[in-house]
Amino acid sequence: MELQPDHQLVCTGPYARVRHPLFLAYFMIATGVLLLNPSPLTLGILIYTLWDFTRAALQEERLLAANLPGYTEYTARTGRFLPRFGRPRGECSK
């Protein structure tokens, strides 16, 4: 991942509750494949998907926290992969 010169924090739409909604979608797809075809292979695919995307999300979050104003506050009120419904939404820093 790299930061663009005009990189901005987006905290609307699905990003209002989850920092990585696309990764969540991949987790759901991999889980669905396992449920449709339970086998050691599909279990391995799910485990690999969880490991790889979690690693990528952590790497991305370190980069954004160091370079994007307001990102640390955003992480405090949103879930990485699952929504945090009990937390106040707050405002985006621009």
N, C-alpha and C. Protein backbone atom coordinates (compact mmCIF):
# COMPACT_ATOMS: atom_id res chain seq x y z
N MET A 1 0.84 -1.18 0.00
CA MET A 1 0.00 0.00 0.00
C MET A 1 0.88 1.24 0.00
N GLU A 2 0.41 2.26 -0.65
CA GLU A 2 1.11 3.54 -0.63
C GLU A 2 0.09 4.65 -0.45
N LEU A 3 0.53 5.74 0.13
CA LEU A 3 -0.33 6.90 0.32
C LEU A 3 -0.25 7.79 -0.91
N GLN A 4 -1.38 8.27 -1.33
CA GLN A 4 -1.45 9.22 -2.43
C GLN A 4 -1.27 10.63 -1.86
N PRO A 5 -0.83 11.60 -2.67
CA PRO A 5 -0.62 12.96 -2.14
C PRO A 5 -1.86 13.58 -1.52
N ASP A 6 -3.04 13.27 -2.03
CA ASP A 6 -4.28 13.87 -1.50
C ASP A 6 -5.10 12.86 -0.69
N HIS A 7 -4.42 11.90 -0.09
CA HIS A 7 -5.09 10.84 0.68
C HIS A 7 -5.91 11.45 1.80
N GLN A 8 -7.18 11.03 1.93
CA GLN A 8 -8.06 11.55 2.96
C GLN A 8 -8.74 10.40 3.68
N LEU A 9 -9.10 10.66 4.91
CA LEU A 9 -9.82 9.68 5.72
C LEU A 9 -11.28 9.65 5.29
N VAL A 10 -11.78 8.47 4.98
CA VAL A 10 -13.19 8.29 4.62
C VAL A 10 -13.86 7.58 5.78
N CYS A 11 -14.89 8.19 6.33
CA CYS A 11 -15.60 7.54 7.44
C CYS A 11 -17.11 7.65 7.25
N THR A 12 -17.54 7.47 6.01
CA THR A 12 -18.95 7.43 5.68
C THR A 12 -19.25 6.09 5.03
N GLY A 13 -20.52 5.79 4.87
CA GLY A 13 -20.90 4.52 4.27
C GLY A 13 -20.44 3.37 5.15
N PRO A 14 -19.95 2.29 4.56
CA PRO A 14 -19.53 1.15 5.38
C PRO A 14 -18.34 1.48 6.27
N TYR A 15 -17.56 2.49 5.90
CA TYR A 15 -16.39 2.87 6.69
C TYR A 15 -16.77 3.58 7.99
N ALA A 16 -18.03 3.92 8.16
CA ALA A 16 -18.47 4.54 9.40
C ALA A 16 -18.40 3.56 10.57
N ARG A 17 -18.47 2.27 10.29
CA ARG A 17 -18.47 1.26 11.35
C ARG A 17 -17.32 0.26 11.26
N VAL A 18 -16.77 0.04 10.04
CA VAL A 18 -15.76 -0.98 9.82
C VAL A 18 -14.61 -0.38 9.02
N ARG A 19 -13.38 -0.63 9.47
CA ARG A 19 -12.22 -0.07 8.76
C ARG A 19 -11.90 -0.81 7.48
N HIS A 20 -12.24 -2.08 7.38
CA HIS A 20 -11.88 -2.89 6.22
C HIS A 20 -13.09 -3.68 5.71
N PRO A 21 -14.09 -3.01 5.15
CA PRO A 21 -15.29 -3.73 4.72
C PRO A 21 -15.03 -4.71 3.57
N LEU A 22 -14.08 -4.44 2.72
CA LEU A 22 -13.79 -5.36 1.63
C LEU A 22 -13.19 -6.66 2.18
N PHE A 23 -12.31 -6.56 3.16
CA PHE A 23 -11.75 -7.76 3.78
C PHE A 23 -12.85 -8.56 4.45
N LEU A 24 -13.79 -7.89 5.10
CA LEU A 24 -14.93 -8.57 5.72
C LEU A 24 -15.71 -9.35 4.67
N ALA A 25 -15.90 -8.77 3.50
CA ALA A 25 -16.61 -9.47 2.43
C ALA A 25 -15.86 -10.73 2.00
N TYR A 26 -14.53 -10.65 1.90
CA TYR A 26 -13.75 -11.84 1.55
C TYR A 26 -13.86 -12.91 2.63
N PHE A 27 -13.86 -12.50 3.91
CA PHE A 27 -14.03 -13.47 5.00
C PHE A 27 -15.38 -14.16 4.88
N MET A 28 -16.41 -13.39 4.56
CA MET A 28 -17.75 -13.97 4.41
C MET A 28 -17.81 -14.93 3.23
N ILE A 29 -17.17 -14.58 2.13
CA ILE A 29 -17.14 -15.46 0.96
C ILE A 29 -16.42 -16.76 1.30
N ALA A 30 -15.25 -16.66 1.94
CA ALA A 30 -14.49 -17.86 2.30
C ALA A 30 -15.27 -18.73 3.28
N THR A 31 -15.98 -18.11 4.21
CA THR A 31 -16.82 -18.87 5.14
C THR A 31 -17.96 -19.55 4.40
N GLY A 32 -18.57 -18.84 3.46
CA GLY A 32 -19.65 -19.43 2.66
C GLY A 32 -19.18 -20.61 1.84
N VAL A 33 -17.99 -20.50 1.26
CA VAL A 33 -17.44 -21.62 0.48
C VAL A 33 -17.23 -22.82 1.40
N LEU A 34 -16.73 -22.59 2.61
CA LEU A 34 -16.54 -23.68 3.56
C LEU A 34 -17.87 -24.32 3.93
N LEU A 35 -18.90 -23.51 4.13
CA LEU A 35 -20.21 -24.06 4.49
C LEU A 35 -20.85 -24.83 3.34
N LEU A 36 -20.61 -24.38 2.10
CA LEU A 36 -21.15 -25.09 0.94
C LEU A 36 -20.40 -26.37 0.63
N ASN A 37 -19.10 -26.37 0.89
CA ASN A 37 -18.27 -27.52 0.57
C ASN A 37 -17.27 -27.75 1.71
N PRO A 38 -17.76 -28.31 2.82
CA PRO A 38 -16.84 -28.52 3.94
C PRO A 38 -15.79 -29.58 3.60
N SER A 39 -14.54 -29.16 3.63
CA SER A 39 -13.44 -30.07 3.36
C SER A 39 -12.18 -29.47 3.96
N PRO A 40 -11.14 -30.27 4.11
CA PRO A 40 -9.88 -29.70 4.61
C PRO A 40 -9.36 -28.58 3.71
N LEU A 41 -9.57 -28.69 2.40
CA LEU A 41 -9.09 -27.65 1.49
C LEU A 41 -9.80 -26.33 1.74
N THR A 42 -11.12 -26.35 1.82
CA THR A 42 -11.84 -25.09 2.03
C THR A 42 -11.59 -24.54 3.43
N LEU A 43 -11.37 -25.40 4.42
CA LEU A 43 -10.99 -24.92 5.75
C LEU A 43 -9.63 -24.24 5.67
N GLY A 44 -8.71 -24.82 4.93
CA GLY A 44 -7.39 -24.21 4.74
C GLY A 44 -7.49 -22.87 4.04
N ILE A 45 -8.37 -22.77 3.05
CA ILE A 45 -8.58 -21.50 2.36
C ILE A 45 -9.10 -20.44 3.31
N LEU A 46 -10.06 -20.81 4.17
CA LEU A 46 -10.59 -19.86 5.14
C LEU A 46 -9.51 -19.41 6.12
N ILE A 47 -8.73 -20.35 6.64
CA ILE A 47 -7.67 -20.00 7.59
C ILE A 47 -6.64 -19.10 6.92
N TYR A 48 -6.24 -19.43 5.71
CA TYR A 48 -5.27 -18.60 5.00
C TYR A 48 -5.84 -17.19 4.75
N THR A 49 -7.10 -17.11 4.36
CA THR A 49 -7.73 -15.82 4.10
C THR A 49 -7.73 -14.97 5.37
N LEU A 50 -8.12 -15.57 6.49
CA LEU A 50 -8.13 -14.83 7.76
C LEU A 50 -6.72 -14.35 8.12
N TRP A 51 -5.73 -15.22 7.99
CA TRP A 51 -4.36 -14.85 8.33
C TRP A 51 -3.83 -13.75 7.41
N ASP A 52 -3.97 -13.95 6.10
CA ASP A 52 -3.37 -13.02 5.14
C ASP A 52 -4.02 -11.63 5.19
N PHE A 53 -5.33 -11.56 5.25
CA PHE A 53 -5.98 -10.26 5.26
C PHE A 53 -5.81 -9.56 6.61
N THR A 54 -5.72 -10.31 7.69
CA THR A 54 -5.45 -9.68 8.98
C THR A 54 -4.06 -9.07 8.98
N ARG A 55 -3.08 -9.79 8.45
CA ARG A 55 -1.72 -9.28 8.33
C ARG A 55 -1.69 -8.01 7.47
N ALA A 56 -2.38 -8.04 6.34
CA ALA A 56 -2.41 -6.88 5.45
C ALA A 56 -3.10 -5.69 6.12
N ALA A 57 -4.18 -5.94 6.85
CA ALA A 57 -4.90 -4.86 7.53
C ALA A 57 -4.02 -4.21 8.59
N LEU A 58 -3.29 -5.01 9.35
CA LEU A 58 -2.40 -4.45 10.38
C LEU A 58 -1.30 -3.61 9.75
N GLN A 59 -0.74 -4.08 8.65
CA GLN A 59 0.30 -3.32 7.96
C GLN A 59 -0.25 -1.99 7.45
N GLU A 60 -1.43 -2.04 6.86
CA GLU A 60 -2.06 -0.82 6.35
C GLU A 60 -2.38 0.15 7.48
N GLU A 61 -2.86 -0.36 8.60
CA GLU A 61 -3.21 0.50 9.72
C GLU A 61 -1.98 1.19 10.31
N ARG A 62 -0.86 0.49 10.38
CA ARG A 62 0.37 1.12 10.87
C ARG A 62 0.78 2.28 9.96
N LEU A 63 0.71 2.07 8.66
CA LEU A 63 1.07 3.11 7.71
C LEU A 63 0.13 4.32 7.83
N LEU A 64 -1.16 4.05 7.89
CA LEU A 64 -2.14 5.15 7.96
C LEU A 64 -2.05 5.89 9.30
N ALA A 65 -1.85 5.18 10.39
CA ALA A 65 -1.76 5.83 11.69
C ALA A 65 -0.55 6.77 11.75
N ALA A 66 0.51 6.40 11.07
CA ALA A 66 1.72 7.23 11.08
C ALA A 66 1.63 8.42 10.14
N ASN A 67 0.75 8.37 9.14
CA ASN A 67 0.77 9.40 8.09
C ASN A 67 -0.55 10.12 7.83
N LEU A 68 -1.64 9.65 8.40
CA LEU A 68 -2.94 10.24 8.09
C LEU A 68 -3.55 10.85 9.34
N PRO A 69 -3.69 12.18 9.39
CA PRO A 69 -4.27 12.82 10.57
C PRO A 69 -5.68 12.30 10.85
N GLY A 70 -5.96 12.02 12.11
CA GLY A 70 -7.28 11.57 12.52
C GLY A 70 -7.49 10.07 12.45
N TYR A 71 -6.54 9.33 11.88
CA TYR A 71 -6.74 7.88 11.71
C TYR A 71 -6.75 7.14 13.05
N THR A 72 -5.91 7.56 13.99
CA THR A 72 -5.87 6.90 15.29
C THR A 72 -7.20 7.05 16.02
N GLU A 73 -7.81 8.22 15.96
CA GLU A 73 -9.11 8.44 16.58
C GLU A 73 -10.19 7.60 15.87
N TYR A 74 -10.08 7.51 14.57
CA TYR A 74 -11.01 6.70 13.78
C TYR A 74 -10.93 5.23 14.19
N THR A 75 -9.72 4.72 14.42
CA THR A 75 -9.58 3.32 14.82
C THR A 75 -10.18 3.06 16.20
N ALA A 76 -10.21 4.08 17.05
CA ALA A 76 -10.76 3.92 18.39
C ALA A 76 -12.27 3.75 18.38
N ARG A 77 -12.93 4.23 17.33
CA ARG A 77 -14.39 4.16 17.30
C ARG A 77 -14.94 3.19 16.26
N THR A 78 -14.09 2.55 15.49
CA THR A 78 -14.57 1.59 14.48
C THR A 78 -13.89 0.24 14.69
N GLY A 79 -14.57 -0.80 14.26
CA GLY A 79 -13.99 -2.13 14.33
C GLY A 79 -13.14 -2.40 13.11
N ARG A 80 -12.15 -3.26 13.28
CA ARG A 80 -11.28 -3.59 12.15
C ARG A 80 -12.09 -4.35 11.08
N PHE A 81 -12.79 -5.41 11.50
CA PHE A 81 -13.56 -6.21 10.55
C PHE A 81 -15.04 -6.30 10.92
N LEU A 82 -15.36 -6.15 12.18
CA LEU A 82 -16.75 -6.22 12.63
C LEU A 82 -17.16 -4.88 13.22
N PRO A 83 -18.41 -4.47 13.01
CA PRO A 83 -18.86 -3.16 13.52
C PRO A 83 -18.84 -3.10 15.04
N ARG A 84 -18.60 -1.92 15.55
CA ARG A 84 -18.71 -1.64 16.98
C ARG A 84 -19.93 -0.76 17.17
N PHE A 85 -21.05 -1.37 17.44
CA PHE A 85 -22.30 -0.61 17.51
C PHE A 85 -22.43 0.22 18.77
N GLY A 86 -21.72 -0.09 19.84
CA GLY A 86 -21.84 0.65 21.08
C GLY A 86 -20.99 1.90 21.14
N ARG A 87 -20.13 2.10 20.18
CA ARG A 87 -19.21 3.25 20.21
C ARG A 87 -19.84 4.47 19.53
N PRO A 88 -19.53 5.66 20.03
CA PRO A 88 -20.02 6.86 19.34
C PRO A 88 -19.34 6.99 17.98
N ARG A 89 -20.08 7.52 17.02
CA ARG A 89 -19.56 7.59 15.65
C ARG A 89 -18.53 8.69 15.46
N GLY A 90 -18.72 9.82 16.05
CA GLY A 90 -17.73 10.90 15.91
C GLY A 90 -17.74 11.49 14.51
N GLU A 91 -16.82 12.38 14.29
CA GLU A 91 -16.69 13.06 12.99
C GLU A 91 -15.36 12.72 12.36
N CYS A 92 -15.32 12.81 11.06
CA CYS A 92 -14.08 12.62 10.33
C CYS A 92 -13.21 13.86 10.46
N SER A 93 -11.91 13.62 10.57
CA SER A 93 -10.96 14.74 10.51
C SER A 93 -10.62 14.97 9.06
N LYS A 94 -10.67 16.18 8.62
CA LYS A 94 -10.37 16.49 7.21
C LYS A 94 -9.15 17.33 7.12
